């Protein structure tokens, strides 16, 4: 097992490039505040990449750029070689489940499939498969208010995979959950991803979460957000079946990332006081 840092400007490992950011910058307040500056990295087809960094480093802004929800001010973002356009090929999972309260669990997952015109029999089969995958088959007829927060996020996860997107963008989707549910959701996500191999960009401020889920971690530094370093994470294939927190290399990488982020936050605080 190895965990090796990469230079920020180095290309991703061999494989077809799914998402590419080239010297991306984004400004707010009429251009007076830079949220991101010169960010470059790639995500391969079927790769799981986490974006990690302290508050104020532009993680969510970066995710919205990757999904085509907002436009870059400088540089370019490409998905399959073209600027991203929100649609069925790009799935989103947010911190809040954002379920339709008047629809059942089945109805929420089915909603996008109906809009896409998928035939009824195929819809039913796909929804049933997805609800079984997230452990909610017996709650198919329940409404969101009858579910716990973790169960609602499992519905959101099933809904995101329903249209079989080739890109999945996730913005701290487990941050509001309790620790035990959060760990369960990480395991479920990793297990489902291992079967479907969707290209994932996962935004998190949780170091353990980034290491557990990712093949690579893009560490951002704040004010403005820039790539500090990219780390390759080589851990056992079936991570959802193992407790990696006691692993020596897991601990070593956690310590290194924590020290780097702590140094960044100290530097940013000093900069802010000037």
C-alpha atoms as a PDB file:
ATOM      1  CA  UNK A   1       0.000   0.000   0.000  1.00  0.00           C
ATOM      2  CA  UNK A   2       1.280   3.466  -0.877  1.00  0.00           C
ATOM      3  CA  UNK A   3       0.065   6.981  -0.390  1.00  0.00           C
ATOM      4  CA  UNK A   4       2.038   9.325  -2.559  1.00  0.00           C
ATOM      5  CA  UNK A   5       1.724  13.075  -3.054  1.00  0.00           C
ATOM      6  CA  UNK A   6       1.674  14.457  -6.586  1.00  0.00           C
ATOM      7  CA  UNK A   7       2.658  17.869  -7.800  1.00  0.00           C
ATOM      8  CA  UNK A   8      -0.409  20.055  -8.267  1.00  0.00           C
ATOM      9  CA  UNK A   9       0.304  20.513 -11.960  1.00  0.00           C
ATOM     10  CA  UNK A  10       0.872  16.831 -12.711  1.00  0.00           C
ATOM     11  CA  UNK A  11      -1.624  15.010 -14.960  1.00  0.00           C
ATOM     12  CA  UNK A  12      -3.997  12.406 -13.585  1.00  0.00           C
ATOM     13  CA  UNK A  13      -3.003   8.740 -13.930  1.00  0.00           C
ATOM     14  CA  UNK A  14      -3.537   6.878 -17.197  1.00  0.00           C
ATOM     15  CA  UNK A  15      -7.144   6.646 -18.393  1.00  0.00           C
ATOM     16  CA  UNK A  16      -9.656   8.718 -20.317  1.00  0.00           C
ATOM     17  CA  UNK A  17     -10.171  12.208 -18.887  1.00  0.00           C
ATOM     18  CA  UNK A  18     -13.804  12.856 -17.928  1.00  0.00           C
ATOM     19  CA  UNK A  19     -13.577  16.259 -16.200  1.00  0.00           C
ATOM     20  CA  UNK A  20     -10.848  18.812 -16.745  1.00  0.00           C
ATOM     21  CA  UNK A  21     -10.249  22.166 -15.095  1.00  0.00           C
ATOM     22  CA  UNK A  22      -7.672  24.365 -16.798  1.00  0.00           C
ATOM     23  CA  UNK A  23      -6.411  27.398 -14.909  1.00  0.00           C
ATOM     24  CA  UNK A  24      -9.905  28.137 -13.608  1.00  0.00           C
ATOM     25  CA  UNK A  25     -10.590  31.397 -11.770  1.00  0.00           C
ATOM     26  CA  UNK A  26     -13.847  32.737 -10.414  1.00  0.00           C
ATOM     27  CA  UNK A  27     -14.531  36.165  -8.903  1.00  0.00           C
ATOM     28  CA  UNK A  28     -17.344  37.670  -6.844  1.00  0.00           C
ATOM     29  CA  UNK A  29     -18.408  41.193  -5.866  1.00  0.00           C
ATOM     30  CA  UNK A  30     -17.784  42.624  -9.299  1.00  0.00           C
ATOM     31  CA  UNK A  31     -14.391  40.993  -9.617  1.00  0.00           C
ATOM     32  CA  UNK A  32     -12.968  42.371  -6.372  1.00  0.00           C
ATOM     33  CA  UNK A  33     -12.975  39.012  -4.529  1.00  0.00           C
ATOM     34  CA  UNK A  34     -11.300  35.923  -6.013  1.00  0.00           C
ATOM     35  CA  UNK A  35     -12.950  32.683  -4.903  1.00  0.00           C
ATOM     36  CA  UNK A  36     -10.696  30.501  -7.072  1.00  0.00           C
ATOM     37  CA  UNK A  37      -7.452  31.322  -8.851  1.00  0.00           C
ATOM     38  CA  UNK A  38      -5.699  29.204 -11.484  1.00  0.00           C
ATOM     39  CA  UNK A  39      -7.157  25.841 -10.409  1.00  0.00           C
ATOM     40  CA  UNK A  40      -6.136  22.904 -12.614  1.00  0.00           C
ATOM     41  CA  UNK A  41      -6.744  19.167 -12.214  1.00  0.00           C
ATOM     42  CA  UNK A  42      -8.383  16.242 -14.007  1.00  0.00           C
ATOM     43  CA  UNK A  43     -10.818  13.493 -13.076  1.00  0.00           C
ATOM     44  CA  UNK A  44     -10.658  10.278 -15.046  1.00  0.00           C
ATOM     45  CA  UNK A  45     -13.654   8.291 -16.217  1.00  0.00           C
ATOM     46  CA  UNK A  46     -14.795   6.232 -13.230  1.00  0.00           C
ATOM     47  CA  UNK A  47     -12.490   7.968 -10.735  1.00  0.00           C
ATOM     48  CA  UNK A  48     -13.471   9.160  -7.244  1.00  0.00           C
ATOM     49  CA  UNK A  49     -11.802  12.488  -6.378  1.00  0.00           C
ATOM     50  CA  UNK A  50     -12.405  14.471  -3.193  1.00  0.00           C
ATOM     51  CA  UNK A  51     -11.910  18.216  -2.817  1.00  0.00           C
ATOM     52  CA  UNK A  52     -10.598  18.951   0.661  1.00  0.00           C
ATOM     53  CA  UNK A  53      -9.674  22.202   2.335  1.00  0.00           C
ATOM     54  CA  UNK A  54     -10.548  24.725   5.035  1.00  0.00           C
ATOM     55  CA  UNK A  55     -13.549  27.033   4.873  1.00  0.00           C
ATOM     56  CA  UNK A  56     -13.215  29.774   2.301  1.00  0.00           C
ATOM     57  CA  UNK A  57     -11.146  27.841  -0.234  1.00  0.00           C
ATOM     58  CA  UNK A  58     -13.911  27.721  -2.866  1.00  0.00           C
ATOM     59  CA  UNK A  59     -14.855  24.016  -2.708  1.00  0.00           C
ATOM     60  CA  UNK A  60     -18.556  24.550  -3.418  1.00  0.00           C
ATOM     61  CA  UNK A  61     -17.821  27.172  -6.081  1.00  0.00           C
ATOM     62  CA  UNK A  62     -15.557  24.670  -7.807  1.00  0.00           C
ATOM     63  CA  UNK A  63     -18.301  22.032  -7.750  1.00  0.00           C
ATOM     64  CA  UNK A  64     -20.845  24.435  -9.247  1.00  0.00           C
ATOM     65  CA  UNK A  65     -18.394  25.291 -12.020  1.00  0.00           C
ATOM     66  CA  UNK A  66     -17.835  21.594 -12.755  1.00  0.00           C
ATOM     67  CA  UNK A  67     -21.586  21.083 -13.086  1.00  0.00           C
ATOM     68  CA  UNK A  68     -22.157  24.092 -15.339  1.00  0.00           C
ATOM     69  CA  UNK A  69     -24.323  25.841 -12.735  1.00  0.00           C
ATOM     70  CA  UNK A  70     -22.107  28.944 -12.920  1.00  0.00           C
ATOM     71  CA  UNK A  71     -19.569  30.108 -15.498  1.00  0.00           C
ATOM     72  CA  UNK A  72     -15.822  30.547 -15.132  1.00  0.00           C
ATOM     73  CA  UNK A  73     -14.307  34.019 -15.296  1.00  0.00           C
ATOM     74  CA  UNK A  74     -10.949  32.733 -16.501  1.00  0.00           C
ATOM     75  CA  UNK A  75      -9.756  29.369 -17.781  1.00  0.00           C
ATOM     76  CA  UNK A  76     -12.115  26.567 -18.767  1.00  0.00           C
ATOM     77  CA  UNK A  77     -13.985  23.576 -17.408  1.00  0.00           C
ATOM     78  CA  UNK A  78     -14.559  20.612 -19.718  1.00  0.00           C
ATOM     79  CA  UNK A  79     -16.664  17.480 -19.333  1.00  0.00           C
ATOM     80  CA  UNK A  80     -16.003  14.997 -22.126  1.00  0.00           C
ATOM     81  CA  UNK A  81     -14.099  17.760 -23.867  1.00  0.00           C
ATOM     82  CA  UNK A  82     -16.975  20.268 -23.828  1.00  0.00           C
ATOM     83  CA  UNK A  83     -18.199  22.964 -21.418  1.00  0.00           C
ATOM     84  CA  UNK A  84     -20.551  21.319 -18.884  1.00  0.00           C
ATOM     85  CA  UNK A  85     -24.298  21.736 -19.299  1.00  0.00           C
ATOM     86  CA  UNK A  86     -26.643  20.750 -16.443  1.00  0.00           C
ATOM     87  CA  UNK A  87     -28.637  17.720 -17.514  1.00  0.00           C
ATOM     88  CA  UNK A  88     -29.157  13.991 -17.002  1.00  0.00           C
ATOM     89  CA  UNK A  89     -25.495  13.144 -17.566  1.00  0.00           C
ATOM     90  CA  UNK A  90     -24.438  15.163 -14.500  1.00  0.00           C
ATOM     91  CA  UNK A  91     -25.908  14.129 -11.155  1.00  0.00           C
ATOM     92  CA  UNK A  92     -25.891  16.240  -7.988  1.00  0.00           C
ATOM     93  CA  UNK A  93     -26.167  15.329  -4.304  1.00  0.00           C
ATOM     94  CA  UNK A  94     -26.273  18.244  -1.866  1.00  0.00           C
ATOM     95  CA  UNK A  95     -25.932  18.588   1.907  1.00  0.00           C
ATOM     96  CA  UNK A  96     -29.710  18.564   2.218  1.00  0.00           C
ATOM     97  CA  UNK A  97     -31.635  15.780   0.480  1.00  0.00           C
ATOM     98  CA  UNK A  98     -34.044  18.224  -1.246  1.00  0.00           C
ATOM     99  CA  UNK A  99     -36.744  15.605  -1.706  1.00  0.00           C
ATOM    100  CA  UNK A 100     -40.228  16.429  -2.992  1.00  0.00           C
ATOM    101  CA  UNK A 101     -42.355  16.204   0.183  1.00  0.00           C
ATOM    102  CA  UNK A 102     -45.557  15.233  -1.626  1.00  0.00           C
ATOM    103  CA  UNK A 103     -43.917  12.279  -3.373  1.00  0.00           C
ATOM    104  CA  UNK A 104     -43.116   8.915  -1.875  1.00  0.00           C
ATOM    105  CA  UNK A 105     -39.614   7.474  -1.759  1.00  0.00           C
ATOM    106  CA  UNK A 106     -40.366   5.616  -4.986  1.00  0.00           C
ATOM    107  CA  UNK A 107     -41.847   8.750  -6.535  1.00  0.00           C
ATOM    108  CA  UNK A 108     -38.798  10.874  -5.699  1.00  0.00           C
ATOM    109  CA  UNK A 109     -36.410   8.429  -7.332  1.00  0.00           C
ATOM    110  CA  UNK A 110     -38.753   7.952 -10.275  1.00  0.00           C
ATOM    111  CA  UNK A 111     -39.277  11.669 -10.897  1.00  0.00           C
ATOM    112  CA  UNK A 112     -36.270  12.265 -13.152  1.00  0.00           C
ATOM    113  CA  UNK A 113     -36.939   9.042 -15.046  1.00  0.00           C
ATOM    114  CA  UNK A 114     -40.463  10.205 -15.825  1.00  0.00           C
ATOM    115  CA  UNK A 115     -39.158  13.536 -17.086  1.00  0.00           C
ATOM    116  CA  UNK A 116     -36.685  11.653 -19.293  1.00  0.00           C
ATOM    117  CA  UNK A 117     -39.536   9.617 -20.807  1.00  0.00           C
ATOM    118  CA  UNK A 118     -38.331   6.221 -19.622  1.00  0.00           C
ATOM    119  CA  UNK A 119     -41.056   3.561 -20.142  1.00  0.00           C
ATOM    120  CA  UNK A 120     -43.003   2.542 -17.051  1.00  0.00           C
ATOM    121  CA  UNK A 121     -41.719  -1.021 -16.810  1.00  0.00           C
ATOM    122  CA  UNK A 122     -38.107   0.081 -17.147  1.00  0.00           C
ATOM    123  CA  UNK A 123     -38.671   2.849 -14.576  1.00  0.00           C
ATOM    124  CA  UNK A 124     -40.093   0.396 -12.072  1.00  0.00           C
ATOM    125  CA  UNK A 125     -37.217  -2.027 -12.543  1.00  0.00           C
ATOM    126  CA  UNK A 126     -34.544   0.636 -12.193  1.00  0.00           C
ATOM    127  CA  UNK A 127     -36.149   2.280  -9.160  1.00  0.00           C
ATOM    128  CA  UNK A 128     -36.613  -1.070  -7.466  1.00  0.00           C
ATOM    129  CA  UNK A 129     -32.976  -1.959  -8.059  1.00  0.00           C
ATOM    130  CA  UNK A 130     -31.741   1.361  -6.701  1.00  0.00           C
ATOM    131  CA  UNK A 131     -33.927   1.279  -3.586  1.00  0.00           C
ATOM    132  CA  UNK A 132     -32.664  -2.229  -2.868  1.00  0.00           C
ATOM    133  CA  UNK A 133     -29.088  -1.003  -3.338  1.00  0.00           C
ATOM    134  CA  UNK A 134     -29.525   1.721  -0.691  1.00  0.00           C
ATOM    135  CA  UNK A 135     -31.526  -0.535   1.645  1.00  0.00           C
ATOM    136  CA  UNK A 136     -34.865   1.247   1.282  1.00  0.00           C
ATOM    137  CA  UNK A 137     -36.988  -1.227  -0.680  1.00  0.00           C
ATOM    138  CA  UNK A 138     -39.399  -1.650   2.248  1.00  0.00           C
ATOM    139  CA  UNK A 139     -39.834   2.144   2.524  1.00  0.00           C
ATOM    140  CA  UNK A 140     -40.756   2.700  -1.129  1.00  0.00           C
ATOM    141  CA  UNK A 141     -44.235   3.951  -0.187  1.00  0.00           C
ATOM    142  CA  UNK A 142     -43.096   6.255   2.644  1.00  0.00           C
ATOM    143  CA  UNK A 143     -42.953  10.050   2.402  1.00  0.00           C
ATOM    144  CA  UNK A 144     -39.853  12.118   3.265  1.00  0.00           C
ATOM    145  CA  UNK A 145     -41.207  13.326   6.609  1.00  0.00           C
ATOM    146  CA  UNK A 146     -41.464   9.695   7.727  1.00  0.00           C
ATOM    147  CA  UNK A 147     -37.732   9.099   7.170  1.00  0.00           C
ATOM    148  CA  UNK A 148     -34.648   9.865   9.235  1.00  0.00           C
ATOM    149  CA  UNK A 149     -32.020  12.247   7.857  1.00  0.00           C
ATOM    150  CA  UNK A 150     -29.807   9.358   6.828  1.00  0.00           C
ATOM    151  CA  UNK A 151     -32.644   7.623   5.032  1.00  0.00           C
ATOM    152  CA  UNK A 152     -33.504  10.821   3.181  1.00  0.00           C
ATOM    153  CA  UNK A 153     -29.908  11.080   1.980  1.00  0.00           C
ATOM    154  CA  UNK A 154     -30.056   7.480   0.811  1.00  0.00           C
ATOM    155  CA  UNK A 155     -33.100   8.417  -1.287  1.00  0.00           C
ATOM    156  CA  UNK A 156     -31.141  11.374  -2.677  1.00  0.00           C
ATOM    157  CA  UNK A 157     -28.272   9.032  -3.528  1.00  0.00           C
ATOM    158  CA  UNK A 158     -30.608   6.620  -5.329  1.00  0.00           C
ATOM    159  CA  UNK A 159     -32.180   9.532  -7.197  1.00  0.00           C
ATOM    160  CA  UNK A 160     -28.752  10.802  -8.279  1.00  0.00           C
ATOM    161  CA  UNK A 161     -27.861   7.397  -9.747  1.00  0.00           C
ATOM    162  CA  UNK A 162     -31.293   6.894 -11.356  1.00  0.00           C
ATOM    163  CA  UNK A 163     -30.413   8.461 -14.705  1.00  0.00           C
ATOM    164  CA  UNK A 164     -27.062   6.658 -14.692  1.00  0.00           C
ATOM    165  CA  UNK A 165     -25.010   9.866 -14.987  1.00  0.00           C
ATOM    166  CA  UNK A 166     -21.399   9.632 -16.064  1.00  0.00           C
ATOM    167  CA  UNK A 167     -20.511  12.417 -13.594  1.00  0.00           C
ATOM    168  CA  UNK A 168     -21.677  12.724  -9.980  1.00  0.00           C
ATOM    169  CA  UNK A 169     -21.017  15.934  -8.026  1.00  0.00           C
ATOM    170  CA  UNK A 170     -21.472  15.773  -4.257  1.00  0.00           C
ATOM    171  CA  UNK A 171     -21.366  18.775  -1.928  1.00  0.00           C
ATOM    172  CA  UNK A 172     -20.762  17.628   1.672  1.00  0.00           C
ATOM    173  CA  UNK A 173     -23.779  15.305   1.453  1.00  0.00           C
ATOM    174  CA  UNK A 174     -23.226  13.658   4.850  1.00  0.00           C
ATOM    175  CA  UNK A 175     -22.173  16.697   6.876  1.00  0.00           C
ATOM    176  CA  UNK A 176     -25.518  17.095   8.660  1.00  0.00           C
ATOM    177  CA  UNK A 177     -25.738  13.445   9.747  1.00  0.00           C
ATOM    178  CA  UNK A 178     -24.687  11.939  13.067  1.00  0.00           C
ATOM    179  CA  UNK A 179     -21.324  10.167  13.167  1.00  0.00           C
ATOM    180  CA  UNK A 180     -22.667   6.609  12.981  1.00  0.00           C
ATOM    181  CA  UNK A 181     -25.053   7.360  10.100  1.00  0.00           C
ATOM    182  CA  UNK A 182     -22.322   9.289   8.301  1.00  0.00           C
ATOM    183  CA  UNK A 183     -19.989   6.283   8.426  1.00  0.00           C
ATOM    184  CA  UNK A 184     -22.748   3.999   7.156  1.00  0.00           C
ATOM    185  CA  UNK A 185     -23.497   6.381   4.268  1.00  0.00           C
ATOM    186  CA  UNK A 186     -19.818   6.499   3.292  1.00  0.00           C
ATOM    187  CA  UNK A 187     -19.748   2.733   3.121  1.00  0.00           C
ATOM    188  CA  UNK A 188     -22.954   2.609   1.081  1.00  0.00           C
ATOM    189  CA  UNK A 189     -21.728   5.256  -1.348  1.00  0.00           C
ATOM    190  CA  UNK A 190     -18.405   3.511  -1.875  1.00  0.00           C
ATOM    191  CA  UNK A 191     -20.066   0.136  -2.394  1.00  0.00           C
ATOM    192  CA  UNK A 192     -22.507   1.524  -4.994  1.00  0.00           C
ATOM    193  CA  UNK A 193     -19.799   3.551  -6.721  1.00  0.00           C
ATOM    194  CA  UNK A 194     -17.574   0.460  -6.984  1.00  0.00           C
ATOM    195  CA  UNK A 195     -20.350  -1.234  -8.973  1.00  0.00           C
ATOM    196  CA  UNK A 196     -21.233   1.712 -11.244  1.00  0.00           C
ATOM    197  CA  UNK A 197     -17.870   3.504 -11.546  1.00  0.00           C
ATOM    198  CA  UNK A 198     -19.278   6.980 -12.093  1.00  0.00           C
ATOM    199  CA  UNK A 199     -16.735   9.816 -12.150  1.00  0.00           C
ATOM    200  CA  UNK A 200     -17.203  11.580  -8.792  1.00  0.00           C
ATOM    201  CA  UNK A 201     -16.115  14.928  -7.400  1.00  0.00           C
ATOM    202  CA  UNK A 202     -16.862  14.902  -3.672  1.00  0.00           C
ATOM    203  CA  UNK A 203     -16.537  18.091  -1.630  1.00  0.00           C
ATOM    204  CA  UNK A 204     -15.764  17.630   2.052  1.00  0.00           C
ATOM    205  CA  UNK A 205     -14.077  19.300   5.006  1.00  0.00           C
ATOM    206  CA  UNK A 206     -13.660  15.919   6.747  1.00  0.00           C
ATOM    207  CA  UNK A 207     -10.154  14.440   6.379  1.00  0.00           C
ATOM    208  CA  UNK A 208     -11.197  10.889   7.343  1.00  0.00           C
ATOM    209  CA  UNK A 209     -14.019  11.013   4.814  1.00  0.00           C
ATOM    210  CA  UNK A 210     -11.738  12.191   2.007  1.00  0.00           C
ATOM    211  CA  UNK A 211      -9.196   9.424   2.671  1.00  0.00           C
ATOM    212  CA  UNK A 212     -11.800   6.686   3.068  1.00  0.00           C
ATOM    213  CA  UNK A 213     -13.685   7.495  -0.148  1.00  0.00           C
ATOM    214  CA  UNK A 214     -11.112   8.767  -2.593  1.00  0.00           C
ATOM    215  CA  UNK A 215      -8.662   7.526  -5.129  1.00  0.00           C
ATOM    216  CA  UNK A 216      -7.170  11.013  -5.160  1.00  0.00           C
ATOM    217  CA  UNK A 217      -7.542  14.076  -2.927  1.00  0.00           C
ATOM    218  CA  UNK A 218      -7.212  17.621  -4.244  1.00  0.00           C
ATOM    219  CA  UNK A 219      -6.123  19.790  -1.323  1.00  0.00           C
ATOM    220  CA  UNK A 220      -7.114  23.441  -1.741  1.00  0.00           C
ATOM    221  CA  UNK A 221      -5.662  26.412   0.111  1.00  0.00           C
ATOM    222  CA  UNK A 222      -7.842  29.460   0.764  1.00  0.00           C
ATOM    223  CA  UNK A 223      -8.112  33.145  -0.185  1.00  0.00           C
ATOM    224  CA  UNK A 224      -8.204  32.637  -3.093  1.00  0.00           C
ATOM    225  CA  UNK A 225      -8.767  28.912  -3.569  1.00  0.00           C
ATOM    226  CA  UNK A 226      -5.757  27.303  -5.230  1.00  0.00           C
ATOM    227  CA  UNK A 227      -4.494  23.740  -5.543  1.00  0.00           C
ATOM    228  CA  UNK A 228      -1.994  23.147  -2.764  1.00  0.00           C
ATOM    229  CA  UNK A 229      -1.256  19.528  -3.657  1.00  0.00           C
ATOM    230  CA  UNK A 230      -2.878  16.401  -5.081  1.00  0.00           C
ATOM    231  CA  UNK A 231      -2.545  13.135  -3.144  1.00  0.00           C
ATOM    232  CA  UNK A 232      -2.986   9.645  -4.543  1.00  0.00           C
ATOM    233  CA  UNK A 233      -4.662   7.266  -2.067  1.00  0.00           C
ATOM    234  CA  UNK A 234      -3.929   3.576  -2.547  1.00  0.00           C
ATOM    235  CA  UNK A 235      -5.973   1.606  -0.026  1.00  0.00           C
ATOM    236  CA  UNK A 236      -7.598  -1.875  -0.070  1.00  0.00           C
ATOM    237  CA  UNK A 237     -10.215  -2.379  -2.781  1.00  0.00           C
ATOM    238  CA  UNK A 238     -13.163  -3.273  -0.522  1.00  0.00           C
ATOM    239  CA  UNK A 239     -12.810  -0.340   1.858  1.00  0.00           C
ATOM    240  CA  UNK A 240     -16.438  -0.552   2.957  1.00  0.00           C
ATOM    241  CA  UNK A 241     -15.683  -3.902   4.608  1.00  0.00           C
ATOM    242  CA  UNK A 242     -12.670  -2.668   6.594  1.00  0.00           C
ATOM    243  CA  UNK A 243     -11.924  -0.251   9.439  1.00  0.00           C
ATOM    244  CA  UNK A 244      -9.063   1.720   7.940  1.00  0.00           C
ATOM    245  CA  UNK A 245      -8.669   4.203  10.785  1.00  0.00           C
ATOM    246  CA  UNK A 246      -6.138   1.938  12.509  1.00  0.00           C
ATOM    247  CA  UNK A 247      -4.122   1.494   9.324  1.00  0.00           C
ATOM    248  CA  UNK A 248      -0.661   3.035   9.652  1.00  0.00           C
ATOM    249  CA  UNK A 249      -0.698   4.663   6.225  1.00  0.00           C
ATOM    250  CA  UNK A 250      -4.228   5.993   6.752  1.00  0.00           C
ATOM    251  CA  UNK A 251      -3.051   7.602   9.993  1.00  0.00           C
ATOM    252  CA  UNK A 252       0.053   9.010   8.352  1.00  0.00           C
ATOM    253  CA  UNK A 253      -1.890  10.671   5.549  1.00  0.00           C
ATOM    254  CA  UNK A 254      -4.474  12.004   7.996  1.00  0.00           C
ATOM    255  CA  UNK A 255      -1.690  13.581  10.047  1.00  0.00           C
ATOM    256  CA  UNK A 256      -0.065  15.125   6.981  1.00  0.00           C
ATOM    257  CA  UNK A 257      -3.329  16.582   5.663  1.00  0.00           C
ATOM    258  CA  UNK A 258      -4.264  17.910   9.106  1.00  0.00           C
ATOM    259  CA  UNK A 259      -0.882  19.614   9.511  1.00  0.00           C
ATOM    260  CA  UNK A 260      -1.123  21.150   6.048  1.00  0.00           C
ATOM    261  CA  UNK A 261      -4.647  22.464   6.644  1.00  0.00           C
ATOM    262  CA  UNK A 262      -3.736  23.802  10.095  1.00  0.00           C
ATOM    263  CA  UNK A 263      -0.809  25.693   8.572  1.00  0.00           C
ATOM    264  CA  UNK A 264      -3.100  27.095   5.864  1.00  0.00           C
ATOM    265  CA  UNK A 265      -5.679  28.309   8.362  1.00  0.00           C
ATOM    266  CA  UNK A 266      -2.983  29.996  10.425  1.00  0.00           C
ATOM    267  CA  UNK A 267      -1.572  31.711   7.334  1.00  0.00           C
ATOM    268  CA  UNK A 268      -5.042  32.774   6.206  1.00  0.00           C
ATOM    269  CA  UNK A 269      -5.852  34.237   9.631  1.00  0.00           C
ATOM    270  CA  UNK A 270      -2.611  36.203   9.616  1.00  0.00           C
ATOM    271  CA  UNK A 271      -3.375  37.429   6.102  1.00  0.00           C
ATOM    272  CA  UNK A 272      -6.892  38.486   7.109  1.00  0.00           C
ATOM    273  CA  UNK A 273      -5.572  40.581  10.006  1.00  0.00           C
ATOM    274  CA  UNK A 274      -3.294  42.642   7.768  1.00  0.00           C
END
